[in-house]
């Protein structure tokens, strides 16, 4: 069996909008079972070039079995 994974990145200038989109993506994966998610995070790049990760933990079994 061949498996394939994709990394998706979407950029926003507004942190609030990025969090809204993340929540919608999680709904597509967990509530509607349209996506199989293994990880979801919002990454913020600060002006000094440093990064901050805001990651939600996802329970793996319900999404895979759904």
N, C-alpha and C. Protein backbone atom coordinates (compact mmCIF):
# COMPACT_ATOMS: atom_id res chain seq x y z
N UNK A 1 0.84 -1.17 0.00
CA UNK A 1 0.00 0.00 0.00
C UNK A 1 0.89 1.24 0.00
N UNK A 2 0.62 2.15 -0.87
CA UNK A 2 1.37 3.39 -0.96
C UNK A 2 0.63 4.48 -0.19
N UNK A 3 1.38 5.19 0.64
CA UNK A 3 0.78 6.32 1.35
C UNK A 3 1.43 7.61 0.89
N UNK A 4 0.66 8.64 0.93
CA UNK A 4 1.17 9.94 0.52
C UNK A 4 0.72 10.97 1.53
N UNK A 5 1.57 11.93 1.80
CA UNK A 5 1.26 13.00 2.74
C UNK A 5 1.48 14.34 2.06
N UNK A 6 0.75 15.31 2.48
CA UNK A 6 0.88 16.66 1.94
C UNK A 6 1.06 17.64 3.09
N UNK A 7 1.89 18.63 2.85
CA UNK A 7 2.05 19.74 3.78
C UNK A 7 1.42 20.96 3.13
N UNK A 8 0.47 21.55 3.81
CA UNK A 8 -0.22 22.72 3.29
C UNK A 8 0.17 23.92 4.15
N UNK A 9 0.46 25.03 3.53
CA UNK A 9 0.76 26.28 4.23
C UNK A 9 -0.06 27.40 3.62
N UNK A 10 -0.72 28.15 4.47
CA UNK A 10 -1.54 29.27 4.04
C UNK A 10 -1.10 30.49 4.84
N UNK A 11 -0.83 31.60 4.17
CA UNK A 11 -0.33 32.79 4.86
C UNK A 11 -1.40 33.85 5.07
N UNK A 12 -1.40 34.44 6.25
CA UNK A 12 -2.31 35.53 6.59
C UNK A 12 -1.53 36.60 7.33
N UNK A 13 -1.92 37.85 7.15
CA UNK A 13 -1.32 38.95 7.89
C UNK A 13 -1.97 39.12 9.26
N UNK A 14 -3.11 38.48 9.46
CA UNK A 14 -3.89 38.64 10.67
C UNK A 14 -3.93 37.32 11.44
N UNK A 15 -3.44 37.31 12.67
CA UNK A 15 -3.41 36.09 13.48
C UNK A 15 -4.81 35.55 13.77
N UNK A 16 -5.76 36.45 13.99
CA UNK A 16 -7.14 36.02 14.26
C UNK A 16 -7.71 35.24 13.08
N UNK A 17 -7.46 35.74 11.88
CA UNK A 17 -7.95 35.05 10.67
C UNK A 17 -7.27 33.69 10.51
N UNK A 18 -5.98 33.63 10.79
CA UNK A 18 -5.26 32.36 10.70
C UNK A 18 -5.86 31.34 11.66
N UNK A 19 -6.21 31.75 12.86
CA UNK A 19 -6.84 30.83 13.82
C UNK A 19 -8.22 30.39 13.36
N UNK A 20 -8.99 31.30 12.74
CA UNK A 20 -10.31 30.94 12.21
C UNK A 20 -10.19 29.88 11.12
N UNK A 21 -9.23 30.07 10.23
CA UNK A 21 -9.04 29.11 9.13
C UNK A 21 -8.58 27.77 9.69
N UNK A 22 -7.68 27.79 10.67
CA UNK A 22 -7.25 26.53 11.30
C UNK A 22 -8.44 25.80 11.89
N UNK A 23 -9.32 26.51 12.58
CA UNK A 23 -10.50 25.88 13.18
C UNK A 23 -11.41 25.26 12.11
N UNK A 24 -11.56 25.92 10.97
CA UNK A 24 -12.37 25.37 9.88
C UNK A 24 -11.72 24.11 9.30
N UNK A 25 -10.42 24.12 9.16
CA UNK A 25 -9.70 22.94 8.65
C UNK A 25 -9.88 21.77 9.61
N UNK A 26 -9.80 22.03 10.91
CA UNK A 26 -10.01 20.98 11.90
C UNK A 26 -11.43 20.44 11.80
N UNK A 27 -12.41 21.30 11.60
CA UNK A 27 -13.80 20.85 11.44
C UNK A 27 -13.95 19.93 10.23
N UNK A 28 -13.28 20.28 9.13
CA UNK A 28 -13.35 19.44 7.93
C UNK A 28 -12.76 18.06 8.20
N UNK A 29 -11.74 18.00 9.03
CA UNK A 29 -11.11 16.72 9.33
C UNK A 29 -11.84 15.91 10.37
N UNK A 30 -12.29 16.57 11.45
CA UNK A 30 -12.84 15.82 12.58
C UNK A 30 -14.34 15.74 12.59
N UNK A 31 -15.03 16.78 12.17
CA UNK A 31 -16.49 16.75 12.20
C UNK A 31 -17.08 16.17 10.92
N UNK A 32 -16.52 16.54 9.78
CA UNK A 32 -17.08 16.13 8.49
C UNK A 32 -16.30 15.01 7.82
N UNK A 33 -15.12 14.67 8.35
CA UNK A 33 -14.29 13.58 7.82
C UNK A 33 -13.96 13.75 6.34
N UNK A 34 -13.74 14.99 5.93
CA UNK A 34 -13.37 15.28 4.55
C UNK A 34 -11.86 15.19 4.39
N UNK A 35 -11.12 15.50 5.45
CA UNK A 35 -9.65 15.47 5.44
C UNK A 35 -9.15 14.48 6.48
N UNK A 36 -8.01 13.90 6.23
CA UNK A 36 -7.31 13.11 7.24
C UNK A 36 -6.16 13.96 7.73
N UNK A 37 -6.26 14.40 8.97
CA UNK A 37 -5.26 15.29 9.54
C UNK A 37 -4.35 14.55 10.50
N UNK A 38 -3.06 14.83 10.41
CA UNK A 38 -2.13 14.28 11.40
C UNK A 38 -1.56 15.37 12.29
N UNK A 39 -1.66 16.63 11.86
CA UNK A 39 -1.16 17.74 12.65
C UNK A 39 -1.69 19.05 12.08
N UNK A 40 -1.95 20.00 12.95
CA UNK A 40 -2.40 21.33 12.52
C UNK A 40 -1.73 22.36 13.43
N UNK A 41 -1.18 23.41 12.84
CA UNK A 41 -0.53 24.45 13.64
C UNK A 41 -0.62 25.79 12.93
N UNK A 42 -0.58 26.84 13.74
CA UNK A 42 -0.42 28.20 13.23
C UNK A 42 0.98 28.63 13.62
N UNK A 43 1.75 29.08 12.66
CA UNK A 43 3.12 29.52 12.89
C UNK A 43 3.18 31.02 12.66
N UNK A 44 3.73 31.73 13.63
CA UNK A 44 3.84 33.18 13.53
C UNK A 44 5.31 33.55 13.38
N UNK A 45 5.61 34.33 12.36
CA UNK A 45 6.97 34.84 12.19
C UNK A 45 7.01 36.27 12.70
N UNK A 46 7.86 36.50 13.69
CA UNK A 46 8.00 37.83 14.28
C UNK A 46 8.92 38.69 13.43
N UNK A 47 8.90 39.99 13.69
CA UNK A 47 9.72 40.93 12.93
C UNK A 47 11.21 40.63 13.02
N UNK A 48 11.65 40.05 14.14
CA UNK A 48 13.07 39.75 14.30
C UNK A 48 13.47 38.43 13.61
N UNK A 49 12.51 37.79 12.95
CA UNK A 49 12.79 36.55 12.23
C UNK A 49 12.53 35.28 13.03
N UNK A 50 12.22 35.40 14.31
CA UNK A 50 11.93 34.22 15.13
C UNK A 50 10.51 33.71 14.83
N UNK A 51 10.25 32.47 15.22
CA UNK A 51 8.96 31.83 14.96
C UNK A 51 8.32 31.38 16.26
N UNK A 52 6.99 31.41 16.29
CA UNK A 52 6.21 30.87 17.40
C UNK A 52 5.19 29.90 16.82
N UNK A 53 5.09 28.70 17.41
CA UNK A 53 4.14 27.69 16.96
C UNK A 53 2.96 27.64 17.91
N UNK A 54 1.76 27.65 17.37
CA UNK A 54 0.54 27.45 18.14
C UNK A 54 -0.10 26.19 17.57
N UNK A 55 0.11 25.08 18.26
CA UNK A 55 -0.30 23.77 17.75
C UNK A 55 -1.43 23.20 18.59
N UNK A 56 -2.43 22.65 17.92
CA UNK A 56 -3.50 21.94 18.60
C UNK A 56 -3.22 20.45 18.52
N UNK A 57 -3.38 19.77 19.64
CA UNK A 57 -3.23 18.32 19.64
C UNK A 57 -4.47 17.70 19.02
N UNK A 58 -4.26 16.71 18.19
CA UNK A 58 -5.37 16.03 17.53
C UNK A 58 -5.39 14.56 17.94
N UNK A 59 -6.53 14.05 18.39
CA UNK A 59 -6.62 12.62 18.67
C UNK A 59 -6.61 11.85 17.35
N UNK A 60 -5.69 10.92 17.17
CA UNK A 60 -5.49 10.27 15.88
C UNK A 60 -6.58 9.26 15.55
N UNK A 61 -6.95 8.39 16.45
CA UNK A 61 -7.85 7.29 16.13
C UNK A 61 -9.21 7.70 15.57
N UNK A 62 -9.93 8.65 16.18
CA UNK A 62 -11.26 8.98 15.63
C UNK A 62 -11.22 9.47 14.19
N UNK A 63 -10.19 10.24 13.83
CA UNK A 63 -10.12 10.77 12.48
C UNK A 63 -9.81 9.67 11.48
N UNK A 64 -8.89 8.80 11.79
CA UNK A 64 -8.51 7.73 10.88
C UNK A 64 -9.66 6.73 10.74
N UNK A 65 -10.32 6.41 11.85
CA UNK A 65 -11.40 5.44 11.80
C UNK A 65 -12.66 6.03 11.19
N UNK A 66 -12.83 7.37 11.29
CA UNK A 66 -14.01 8.03 10.76
C UNK A 66 -14.00 8.01 9.26
